[in-house]
Amino acid sequence: MRAESYGGSVTVQQRVLVVAVLASFVSFLDGSVVNVALPAISAELTTGPVTGLALQQWVVDAYMITLGALILLAGSLSDVHGRRRIMAIGLVGFAVTSVACALAPDGLFLVVARGLQGVAGALLVPSSLAMIISTFDGERQSRAIGSWTAWTSTASLVGPLLGGILIDTISWRWVFWINVLPVAVTLWLLRGVPRSAAEEPGAGVARRIDVAGATLAAVGLAGTVFALIEQGRFGWASPVVWGPFVVGVACLAVFVWWERRAPDPMLPPRLFRVRNFAWGNLATAAIYGALYFGGFVVTLFLQQVGGYSATAAGLAQLPVTLVLLALSTRFGALAGRYGPRLFMTVGPIVGGAGYLLLLTTTDDAVYVTQVLPGLVLFGLGLAMTVAPLTSAILGSIPAADAGIGSAVNNAVSRVAGLVVIAFAGVIVGGVLDLDGFHRSLLVTAALLVLGGVLSWVGIRNENVRAPADASA
């Protein structure tokens, strides 16, 4: 255990892991479950200033913009004020805003509530991973991250299926009501998690929030994320797009300059002098760009070309979830014992091979012979990759910086996904037909292989314990 850990009790470790999984699960679930509810939402909320297609876009975009803009600040807050405290605030906020979304009388109210929900969601993921890093060490840490990865990835994959069932049987409003119960359970379990050092009386004076850095990061990320999302609707020539983009990029540039000079920077530049942290985030950009884009085009192709229903498209990707649940913890433990480099190299390449196998898919999208084999192989590669990737990045930096380290990695993955999806029209060719689908599969496979190559070149098996040492 680390000196800054919460304690050595197995019971405490188990509670911390369950709390971290549940807190992140609701955030990831909400990011994916809403997509299938968009047609039902626009069909019911037909009054007010925001309706139709604009309402559908902003129900998704409002959440993504506020979450992406504030995730770095949230990581810094968790390091300075304590992970448990920040997580509790995020959980309460997420429950309140979920209820507001469920009760929304019109489109504008729903969009505002979704934006506030993104603020609360930003507080959850960095605190969750930082709590795991501070509580576990060695091989147990890698196994814990593997469990966290399996369940949070499951939330993203199961979301469309769960949303389809709720919408078909009850109402779209239940995609928000379902958040309340897991949040309440997580808050109850959180009471049994000991306070971290930052929450002890008299703590919090050694490090302070970098207000200027936080502002620059929030505006910079908000501007660039907004532009990447809205360029598909307005085009890059529109001032609605290039204006926020220029402001965002300028703020991010000033943010980098400021962080090198600030007395107590929100994002310490020394983190990027850590080899595994820097190269791990480069690999993250390629791998997660592929994951977001690949999932996006497969889901659309199965429905628009293959003729699958929304629920059937969700069920079709269930094997990926099952492989993740079965193997992520195991591969996380192996990476903790033997080092992450091999798994971060081979895993993305295996996942890329899965997408190449999907090239056998025709317009009929025959599930058993054309779709299933590629998805299973991709799921195996994903299970090999994600937990070792997270362990390599967060295990290479001090536990005191785990919150901001997690926030950086999450920001990189989300922005990478947005960037690649922003080029979906160019890759697909305007219309998602079979040829466009095949081009998308090749791009996804190439990004995954690039992630594996970057991992092999940059990642080092630092501080890997011998098996006997780790079990001790």
Protein backbone atom coordinates (compact mmCIF):
# COMPACT_ATOMS: atom_id res chain seq x y z
CA MET A 1 0.00 0.00 0.00
CA ARG A 2 1.11 3.57 -0.57
CA ALA A 3 1.67 5.96 2.27
CA GLU A 4 -1.28 8.04 1.08
CA SER A 5 -3.66 5.11 0.89
CA TYR A 6 -6.96 4.89 2.73
CA GLY A 7 -6.00 1.80 4.63
CA GLY A 8 -4.91 -1.82 4.40
CA SER A 9 -8.21 -3.53 5.08
CA VAL A 10 -9.51 -5.73 2.28
CA THR A 11 -13.02 -4.62 3.24
CA VAL A 12 -12.09 -0.98 2.72
CA GLN A 13 -10.45 -1.80 -0.61
CA GLN A 14 -13.53 -3.65 -1.79
CA ARG A 15 -15.78 -0.77 -0.76
CA VAL A 16 -13.56 1.74 -2.55
CA LEU A 17 -13.61 -0.35 -5.73
CA VAL A 18 -17.41 -0.73 -5.67
CA VAL A 19 -17.86 3.01 -5.06
CA ALA A 20 -15.44 3.91 -7.87
CA VAL A 21 -17.17 1.53 -10.31
CA LEU A 22 -20.69 2.70 -9.46
CA ALA A 23 -19.82 6.41 -9.60
CA SER A 24 -18.18 6.10 -13.01
CA PHE A 25 -20.79 3.63 -14.27
CA VAL A 26 -23.65 6.14 -14.08
CA SER A 27 -21.59 8.79 -15.88
CA PHE A 28 -20.59 6.45 -18.73
CA LEU A 29 -24.08 4.94 -18.93
CA ASP A 30 -25.73 8.33 -19.25
CA GLY A 31 -23.37 9.29 -22.04
CA SER A 32 -24.54 6.37 -24.20
CA VAL A 33 -28.09 5.53 -23.10
CA VAL A 34 -29.47 8.90 -24.21
CA ASN A 35 -28.59 8.41 -27.89
CA VAL A 36 -31.38 5.92 -28.57
CA ALA A 37 -33.89 8.17 -26.76
CA LEU A 38 -33.43 11.13 -29.09
CA PRO A 39 -36.28 10.33 -31.54
CA ALA A 40 -38.74 9.83 -28.66
CA ILE A 41 -37.57 13.04 -26.96
CA SER A 42 -38.03 15.18 -30.07
CA ALA A 43 -41.42 13.58 -30.76
CA GLU A 44 -42.76 14.52 -27.32
CA LEU A 45 -41.08 17.88 -26.60
CA THR A 46 -42.46 19.87 -29.52
CA THR A 47 -42.97 23.23 -27.80
CA GLY A 48 -40.47 25.90 -26.79
CA PRO A 49 -37.49 27.54 -28.52
CA VAL A 50 -35.52 24.27 -28.97
CA THR A 51 -37.26 21.46 -30.89
CA GLY A 52 -36.67 18.91 -33.64
CA LEU A 53 -33.15 18.15 -34.86
CA ALA A 54 -31.61 21.02 -32.88
CA LEU A 55 -33.06 19.54 -29.70
CA GLN A 56 -31.64 16.10 -30.50
CA GLN A 57 -28.17 17.54 -31.12
CA TRP A 58 -28.11 19.71 -28.03
CA VAL A 59 -29.37 16.99 -25.69
CA VAL A 60 -26.11 15.20 -26.52
CA ASP A 61 -23.86 18.22 -27.05
CA ALA A 62 -24.74 20.11 -23.85
CA TYR A 63 -23.59 17.15 -21.75
CA MET A 64 -20.42 16.59 -23.78
CA ILE A 65 -19.36 20.24 -23.77
CA THR A 66 -19.67 20.86 -20.03
CA LEU A 67 -18.17 17.47 -19.15
CA GLY A 68 -15.23 17.96 -21.53
CA ALA A 69 -14.63 21.57 -20.48
CA LEU A 70 -14.58 20.92 -16.73
CA ILE A 71 -12.94 17.51 -16.43
CA LEU A 72 -9.43 18.96 -15.90
CA LEU A 73 -10.75 21.29 -13.21
CA ALA A 74 -12.55 18.36 -11.59
CA GLY A 75 -9.32 16.36 -11.46
CA SER A 76 -7.51 19.24 -9.81
CA LEU A 77 -10.35 19.72 -7.30
CA SER A 78 -10.21 16.05 -6.32
CA ASP A 79 -6.46 16.28 -5.66
CA VAL A 80 -6.73 19.49 -3.62
CA HIS A 81 -9.98 19.01 -1.68
CA GLY A 82 -10.20 15.22 -1.44
CA ARG A 83 -11.59 12.55 -3.73
CA ARG A 84 -14.42 11.48 -1.44
CA ARG A 85 -15.69 15.03 -0.95
CA ILE A 86 -15.66 15.88 -4.66
CA MET A 87 -17.28 12.57 -5.55
CA ALA A 88 -20.09 13.17 -3.05
CA ILE A 89 -20.78 16.60 -4.56
CA GLY A 90 -20.76 15.09 -8.05
CA LEU A 91 -23.13 12.28 -7.06
CA VAL A 92 -25.67 14.60 -5.46
CA GLY A 93 -25.48 16.94 -8.44
CA PHE A 94 -25.89 14.05 -10.87
CA ALA A 95 -28.99 12.78 -9.07
CA VAL A 96 -30.60 16.22 -8.92
CA THR A 97 -29.93 16.99 -12.58
CA SER A 98 -31.12 13.51 -13.64
CA VAL A 99 -34.45 14.17 -11.94
CA ALA A 100 -34.60 17.56 -13.66
CA CYS A 101 -34.02 15.88 -17.04
CA ALA A 102 -36.71 13.29 -16.33
CA LEU A 103 -39.24 16.01 -15.45
CA ALA A 104 -38.31 18.38 -18.30
CA PRO A 105 -41.47 20.16 -19.59
CA ASP A 106 -39.84 21.39 -22.81
CA GLY A 107 -36.69 21.14 -24.89
CA LEU A 108 -34.87 24.20 -23.52
CA PHE A 109 -35.31 23.00 -19.94
CA LEU A 110 -33.92 19.57 -20.91
CA VAL A 111 -30.88 21.05 -22.67
CA VAL A 112 -30.01 23.24 -19.65
CA ALA A 113 -30.46 20.29 -17.30
CA ARG A 114 -28.20 18.15 -19.50
CA GLY A 115 -25.52 20.82 -19.40
CA LEU A 116 -25.65 20.88 -15.60
CA GLN A 117 -25.61 17.08 -15.58
CA GLY A 118 -22.33 17.22 -17.52
CA VAL A 119 -20.87 19.47 -14.81
CA ALA A 120 -21.74 16.87 -12.17
CA GLY A 121 -20.50 14.02 -14.37
CA ALA A 122 -17.12 15.70 -14.75
CA LEU A 123 -16.61 15.39 -10.98
CA LEU A 124 -17.12 11.61 -10.93
CA VAL A 125 -14.59 9.88 -13.19
CA PRO A 126 -11.32 11.57 -12.07
CA SER A 127 -12.28 11.12 -8.41
CA SER A 128 -13.11 7.44 -8.99
CA LEU A 129 -9.82 6.51 -10.61
CA ALA A 130 -7.80 8.66 -8.20
CA MET A 131 -9.45 6.84 -5.30
CA ILE A 132 -8.39 3.48 -6.75
CA ILE A 133 -4.81 4.67 -7.35
CA SER A 134 -4.55 5.94 -3.77
CA THR A 135 -6.03 2.79 -2.24
CA PHE A 136 -4.39 -0.03 -4.20
CA ASP A 137 -0.78 -0.74 -5.11
CA GLY A 138 1.16 -3.22 -7.20
CA GLU A 139 -0.71 -6.09 -8.83
CA ARG A 140 -3.86 -5.38 -6.79
CA GLN A 141 -3.98 -1.90 -8.30
CA SER A 142 -3.82 -3.34 -11.81
CA ARG A 143 -6.57 -5.85 -11.00
CA ALA A 144 -8.74 -3.08 -9.52
CA ILE A 145 -8.26 -0.91 -12.60
CA GLY A 146 -9.14 -3.95 -14.72
CA SER A 147 -12.42 -4.36 -12.83
CA TRP A 148 -13.15 -0.64 -13.11
CA THR A 149 -12.42 -0.75 -16.84
CA ALA A 150 -14.62 -3.77 -17.45
CA TRP A 151 -17.67 -2.34 -15.73
CA THR A 152 -17.38 1.24 -17.00
CA SER A 153 -16.79 0.03 -20.56
CA THR A 154 -19.81 -2.21 -20.12
CA ALA A 155 -21.89 0.86 -19.26
CA SER A 156 -21.00 2.48 -22.58
CA LEU A 157 -21.76 -0.67 -24.54
CA VAL A 158 -24.95 -1.71 -22.72
CA GLY A 159 -26.38 1.82 -22.71
CA PRO A 160 -28.04 1.66 -26.15
CA LEU A 161 -29.61 -1.73 -25.37
CA LEU A 162 -30.94 -0.61 -21.98
CA GLY A 163 -32.21 2.64 -23.45
CA GLY A 164 -34.02 0.84 -26.25
CA ILE A 165 -35.79 -1.48 -23.82
CA LEU A 166 -36.87 1.38 -21.50
CA ILE A 167 -38.14 3.49 -24.37
CA ASP A 168 -40.05 0.65 -25.99
CA THR A 169 -41.67 -0.52 -22.74
CA ILE A 170 -42.08 2.63 -20.56
CA SER A 171 -40.88 6.10 -21.59
CA TRP A 172 -37.74 7.99 -22.61
CA ARG A 173 -37.86 9.76 -19.25
CA TRP A 174 -36.75 6.55 -17.57
CA VAL A 175 -33.30 6.78 -19.15
CA PHE A 176 -32.80 9.57 -16.58
CA TRP A 177 -34.82 8.11 -13.69
CA ILE A 178 -32.62 4.99 -13.66
CA ASN A 179 -29.67 7.10 -12.46
CA VAL A 180 -31.23 7.83 -9.09
CA LEU A 181 -30.99 4.36 -7.54
CA PRO A 182 -27.28 3.65 -8.27
CA VAL A 183 -26.39 7.18 -7.16
CA ALA A 184 -28.23 6.66 -3.85
CA VAL A 185 -26.46 3.32 -3.29
CA THR A 186 -23.08 4.87 -4.09
CA LEU A 187 -23.63 7.73 -1.64
CA TRP A 188 -24.53 5.24 1.08
CA LEU A 189 -21.40 3.17 0.41
CA LEU A 190 -19.26 6.29 0.24
CA ARG A 191 -19.90 6.92 3.94
CA GLY A 192 -17.72 3.90 4.77
CA VAL A 193 -14.73 5.13 2.73
CA PRO A 194 -12.13 6.78 5.02
CA ARG A 195 -11.15 10.37 4.37
CA SER A 196 -8.09 11.07 2.25
CA ALA A 197 -5.21 13.26 3.43
CA ALA A 198 -6.67 16.34 1.69
CA GLU A 199 -9.85 16.04 3.77
CA GLU A 200 -8.14 15.91 7.14
CA PRO A 201 -8.45 18.99 9.42
CA GLY A 202 -5.86 21.58 8.46
CA ALA A 203 -5.23 20.01 5.06
CA GLY A 204 -5.70 21.75 1.75
CA VAL A 205 -3.35 24.67 2.42
CA ALA A 206 -0.30 23.15 0.74
CA ARG A 207 -1.97 23.11 -2.68
CA ARG A 208 -4.50 25.56 -4.04
CA ILE A 209 -6.74 25.72 -7.07
CA ASP A 210 -5.04 27.40 -10.01
CA VAL A 211 -7.94 29.74 -10.86
CA ALA A 212 -6.33 31.24 -13.97
CA GLY A 213 -5.34 27.82 -15.27
CA ALA A 214 -8.76 26.37 -14.52
CA THR A 215 -10.47 29.20 -16.41
CA LEU A 216 -8.18 28.92 -19.43
CA ALA A 217 -8.59 25.14 -19.56
CA ALA A 218 -12.38 25.29 -19.25
CA VAL A 219 -12.80 27.97 -21.94
CA GLY A 220 -10.21 26.30 -24.19
CA LEU A 221 -11.80 22.87 -24.01
CA ALA A 222 -15.34 24.26 -24.27
CA GLY A 223 -14.48 26.26 -27.39
CA THR A 224 -12.69 23.46 -29.22
CA VAL A 225 -15.23 20.78 -28.24
CA PHE A 226 -18.12 23.04 -29.28
CA ALA A 227 -16.49 23.67 -32.67
CA LEU A 228 -15.78 19.98 -33.27
CA ILE A 229 -19.37 19.07 -32.46
CA GLU A 230 -21.09 21.85 -34.40
CA GLN A 231 -18.90 21.87 -37.53
CA GLY A 232 -21.00 19.01 -38.85
CA ARG A 233 -24.10 21.21 -38.71
CA PHE A 234 -22.72 24.67 -39.67
CA GLY A 235 -19.43 23.92 -41.47
CA TRP A 236 -15.98 25.32 -40.69
CA ALA A 237 -16.66 28.51 -42.66
CA SER A 238 -19.34 29.61 -40.20
CA PRO A 239 -18.30 32.07 -37.47
CA VAL A 240 -20.43 29.99 -35.11
CA VAL A 241 -17.75 27.31 -35.53
CA TRP A 242 -14.43 28.99 -36.27
CA GLY A 243 -14.99 31.75 -33.68
CA PRO A 244 -15.20 29.40 -30.66
CA PHE A 245 -12.48 27.23 -32.20
CA VAL A 246 -10.00 30.12 -32.45
CA VAL A 247 -10.83 31.26 -28.92
CA GLY A 248 -10.52 27.71 -27.63
CA VAL A 249 -7.16 27.01 -29.27
CA ALA A 250 -5.82 30.39 -28.12
CA CYS A 251 -6.88 29.71 -24.53
CA LEU A 252 -5.29 26.26 -24.60
CA ALA A 253 -2.04 27.77 -25.91
CA VAL A 254 -2.06 30.38 -23.14
CA PHE A 255 -2.93 27.61 -20.67
CA VAL A 256 0.25 25.71 -21.61
CA TRP A 257 2.30 28.92 -21.26
CA TRP A 258 0.72 29.74 -17.90
CA GLU A 259 1.13 26.26 -16.42
CA ARG A 260 4.90 26.47 -17.02
CA ARG A 261 5.04 29.65 -14.93
CA ALA A 262 2.29 29.29 -12.32
CA PRO A 263 3.53 28.83 -8.73
CA ASP A 264 1.08 25.96 -8.13
CA PRO A 265 -0.10 24.82 -11.58
CA MET A 266 -3.32 22.89 -12.03
CA LEU A 267 -1.62 20.62 -14.57
CA PRO A 268 2.04 20.29 -13.52
CA PRO A 269 4.27 20.14 -16.64
CA ARG A 270 6.46 17.61 -14.83
CA LEU A 271 3.77 14.98 -15.44
CA PHE A 272 4.58 15.02 -19.16
CA ARG A 273 8.25 14.43 -18.40
CA VAL A 274 7.16 11.02 -17.13
CA ARG A 275 7.68 8.72 -20.11
CA ASN A 276 4.73 6.37 -19.59
CA PHE A 277 2.35 9.24 -18.88
CA ALA A 278 3.30 11.14 -22.04
CA TRP A 279 3.46 8.16 -24.42
CA GLY A 280 0.44 6.53 -22.79
CA ASN A 281 -1.68 9.57 -23.58
CA LEU A 282 -0.44 9.57 -27.18
CA ALA A 283 -1.49 5.93 -27.45
CA THR A 284 -4.81 6.83 -25.81
CA ALA A 285 -5.53 9.41 -28.52
CA ALA A 286 -5.13 6.82 -31.28
CA ILE A 287 -6.85 3.92 -29.49
CA TYR A 288 -9.85 5.85 -28.18
CA GLY A 289 -10.26 7.74 -31.43
CA ALA A 290 -10.68 4.29 -32.99
CA LEU A 291 -13.03 3.03 -30.26
CA TYR A 292 -15.44 5.97 -30.49
CA PHE A 293 -15.43 6.07 -34.29
CA GLY A 294 -15.62 2.30 -34.74
CA GLY A 295 -18.56 1.93 -32.37
CA PHE A 296 -20.28 4.88 -34.05
CA VAL A 297 -20.10 3.49 -37.61
CA VAL A 298 -20.88 -0.12 -36.65
CA THR A 299 -24.04 0.91 -34.77
CA LEU A 300 -25.24 3.12 -37.64
CA PHE A 301 -24.42 0.53 -40.34
CA LEU A 302 -26.28 -2.27 -38.60
CA GLN A 303 -29.41 -0.10 -38.36
CA GLN A 304 -29.33 1.96 -41.56
CA VAL A 305 -27.94 -0.64 -43.97
CA GLY A 306 -28.31 -3.99 -42.21
CA GLY A 307 -31.90 -3.27 -41.17
CA TYR A 308 -31.36 -4.02 -37.46
CA SER A 309 -33.67 -2.38 -34.91
CA ALA A 310 -32.13 -0.17 -32.20
CA THR A 311 -32.48 -2.96 -29.63
CA ALA A 312 -31.06 -5.57 -32.04
CA ALA A 313 -28.05 -3.33 -32.80
CA GLY A 314 -27.39 -3.07 -29.07
CA LEU A 315 -27.71 -6.83 -28.60
CA ALA A 316 -25.39 -7.41 -31.55
CA GLN A 317 -22.52 -5.75 -29.68
CA LEU A 318 -23.21 -7.54 -26.39
CA PRO A 319 -20.38 -10.09 -26.97
CA VAL A 320 -17.85 -7.26 -26.67
CA THR A 321 -19.28 -6.50 -23.23
CA LEU A 322 -19.15 -10.15 -22.18
CA VAL A 323 -15.51 -10.50 -23.25
CA LEU A 324 -14.62 -7.32 -21.34
CA LEU A 325 -16.33 -8.53 -18.17
CA ALA A 326 -14.68 -11.93 -18.42
CA LEU A 327 -11.11 -10.88 -19.20
CA SER A 328 -10.37 -7.22 -18.27
CA THR A 329 -9.54 -7.96 -14.64
CA ARG A 330 -7.33 -10.88 -15.66
CA PHE A 331 -5.36 -8.85 -18.19
CA GLY A 332 -5.08 -6.02 -15.66
CA ALA A 333 -3.52 -8.43 -13.17
CA LEU A 334 -1.12 -9.81 -15.79
CA ALA A 335 -0.05 -6.28 -16.72
CA GLY A 336 0.58 -5.56 -13.05
CA ARG A 337 2.80 -8.61 -12.82
CA TYR A 338 4.66 -8.51 -16.15
CA GLY A 339 4.31 -4.88 -17.18
CA PRO A 340 1.85 -3.14 -19.52
CA ARG A 341 4.01 -2.77 -22.65
CA LEU A 342 3.27 -6.13 -24.27
CA PHE A 343 -0.48 -5.93 -23.63
CA MET A 344 -0.72 -2.32 -24.83
CA THR A 345 1.08 -3.36 -28.02
CA VAL A 346 -0.64 -6.65 -28.85
CA GLY A 347 -4.12 -5.65 -27.62
CA PRO A 348 -4.76 -2.79 -30.08
CA ILE A 349 -3.35 -4.86 -32.96
CA VAL A 350 -5.71 -7.74 -32.11
CA GLY A 351 -8.58 -5.24 -31.90
CA GLY A 352 -7.57 -3.85 -35.30
CA ALA A 353 -7.61 -7.37 -36.72
CA GLY A 354 -11.18 -7.67 -35.45
CA TYR A 355 -12.20 -4.62 -37.45
CA LEU A 356 -10.42 -5.99 -40.53
CA LEU A 357 -12.40 -9.21 -40.09
CA LEU A 358 -15.58 -7.12 -40.30
CA LEU A 359 -14.62 -6.32 -43.90
CA THR A 360 -16.39 -9.59 -44.81
CA THR A 361 -19.69 -7.86 -43.95
CA THR A 362 -22.11 -7.35 -46.86
CA ASP A 363 -25.29 -5.28 -47.14
CA ASP A 364 -27.21 -8.09 -45.44
CA ALA A 365 -24.94 -7.90 -42.32
CA VAL A 366 -25.39 -11.59 -41.53
CA TYR A 367 -24.73 -11.63 -37.81
CA VAL A 368 -23.28 -15.07 -37.03
CA THR A 369 -20.90 -15.35 -39.96
CA GLN A 370 -20.06 -11.71 -40.80
CA VAL A 371 -20.49 -9.54 -37.70
CA LEU A 372 -19.96 -11.73 -34.63
CA PRO A 373 -16.42 -13.06 -35.33
CA GLY A 374 -14.96 -9.57 -35.81
CA LEU A 375 -16.68 -8.17 -32.72
CA VAL A 376 -15.45 -11.05 -30.54
CA LEU A 377 -11.86 -10.57 -31.75
CA PHE A 378 -12.16 -6.82 -31.18
CA GLY A 379 -13.50 -7.45 -27.67
CA LEU A 380 -10.48 -9.63 -26.90
CA GLY A 381 -8.11 -6.91 -28.06
CA LEU A 382 -10.01 -4.29 -26.07
CA ALA A 383 -9.86 -6.41 -22.91
CA MET A 384 -6.09 -6.78 -23.37
CA THR A 385 -5.61 -3.05 -23.84
CA VAL A 386 -7.70 -0.80 -21.64
CA ALA A 387 -6.77 -1.84 -18.10
CA PRO A 388 -3.00 -2.02 -18.82
CA LEU A 389 -3.25 1.36 -20.58
CA THR A 390 -4.89 3.01 -17.58
CA SER A 391 -2.48 1.33 -15.17
CA ALA A 392 0.58 2.41 -17.15
CA ILE A 393 -0.52 6.04 -17.26
CA LEU A 394 -1.80 6.53 -13.72
CA GLY A 395 0.69 4.16 -12.10
CA SER A 396 3.59 6.23 -13.42
CA ILE A 397 2.69 9.42 -11.52
CA PRO A 398 2.48 10.23 -7.79
CA ALA A 399 -0.76 9.29 -6.03
CA ALA A 400 -1.23 12.95 -5.08
CA ASP A 401 -1.61 13.77 -8.81
CA ALA A 402 -3.92 10.84 -9.60
CA GLY A 403 -6.98 13.07 -9.96
CA ILE A 404 -5.52 15.43 -12.55
CA GLY A 405 -3.73 12.51 -14.25
CA SER A 406 -7.03 10.67 -14.65
CA ALA A 407 -8.70 13.86 -15.87
CA VAL A 408 -6.03 14.40 -18.53
CA ASN A 409 -6.39 10.84 -19.80
CA ASN A 410 -10.19 11.12 -19.91
CA ALA A 411 -10.00 14.47 -21.69
CA VAL A 412 -7.58 13.04 -24.27
CA SER A 413 -9.83 10.04 -24.95
CA ARG A 414 -13.01 12.10 -25.32
CA VAL A 415 -11.47 14.80 -27.51
CA ALA A 416 -9.82 12.13 -29.68
CA GLY A 417 -13.22 10.53 -30.21
CA LEU A 418 -14.77 13.87 -31.12
CA VAL A 419 -11.99 14.69 -33.59
CA VAL A 420 -12.24 11.38 -35.44
CA ILE A 421 -16.06 11.44 -35.52
CA ALA A 422 -15.87 15.02 -36.81
CA PHE A 423 -14.18 13.60 -39.91
CA ALA A 424 -16.80 10.85 -40.29
CA GLY A 425 -18.35 12.58 -43.32
CA VAL A 426 -14.99 12.72 -45.11
CA ILE A 427 -14.16 9.08 -44.29
CA VAL A 428 -17.59 7.66 -45.05
CA GLY A 429 -18.14 9.80 -48.12
CA GLY A 430 -21.38 11.55 -47.25
CA VAL A 431 -23.60 8.45 -47.13
CA LEU A 432 -22.96 5.38 -45.01
CA ASP A 433 -23.17 2.65 -47.64
CA LEU A 434 -21.14 -0.57 -47.78
CA ASP A 435 -18.10 1.08 -49.37
CA GLY A 436 -18.14 3.87 -46.79
CA PHE A 437 -18.46 1.29 -44.02
CA HIS A 438 -15.45 -0.61 -45.32
CA ARG A 439 -13.37 2.60 -45.48
CA SER A 440 -14.37 3.34 -41.90
CA LEU A 441 -13.27 -0.14 -40.81
CA LEU A 442 -9.85 0.38 -42.42
CA VAL A 443 -9.39 3.75 -40.69
CA THR A 444 -10.43 2.28 -37.33
CA ALA A 445 -8.04 -0.65 -37.73
CA ALA A 446 -5.19 1.70 -38.74
CA LEU A 447 -5.74 3.86 -35.63
CA LEU A 448 -5.71 0.79 -33.38
CA VAL A 449 -2.48 -0.50 -34.93
CA LEU A 450 -0.97 2.99 -34.53
CA GLY A 451 -1.87 2.86 -30.84
CA GLY A 452 -0.08 -0.48 -30.53
CA VAL A 453 3.02 0.85 -32.29
CA LEU A 454 3.12 3.96 -30.08
CA SER A 455 2.86 1.74 -27.02
CA TRP A 456 5.72 -0.48 -28.15
CA VAL A 457 7.95 2.51 -28.90
CA GLY A 458 7.14 4.60 -25.84
CA ILE A 459 5.91 2.48 -22.92
CA ARG A 460 8.40 0.97 -20.47
CA ASN A 461 7.75 -1.67 -17.83
CA GLU A 462 8.80 0.56 -14.97
CA ASN A 463 8.57 -0.49 -11.32
CA VAL A 464 7.17 -3.91 -12.18
CA ARG A 465 7.25 -6.16 -9.12
CA ALA A 466 8.17 -9.79 -9.15
CA PRO A 467 5.15 -12.08 -8.65
CA ALA A 468 6.03 -12.95 -5.06
CA ASP A 469 6.64 -9.32 -4.26
CA ALA A 470 3.34 -8.24 -5.76
CA SER A 471 1.32 -10.84 -3.88
CA ALA A 472 2.93 -9.70 -0.64
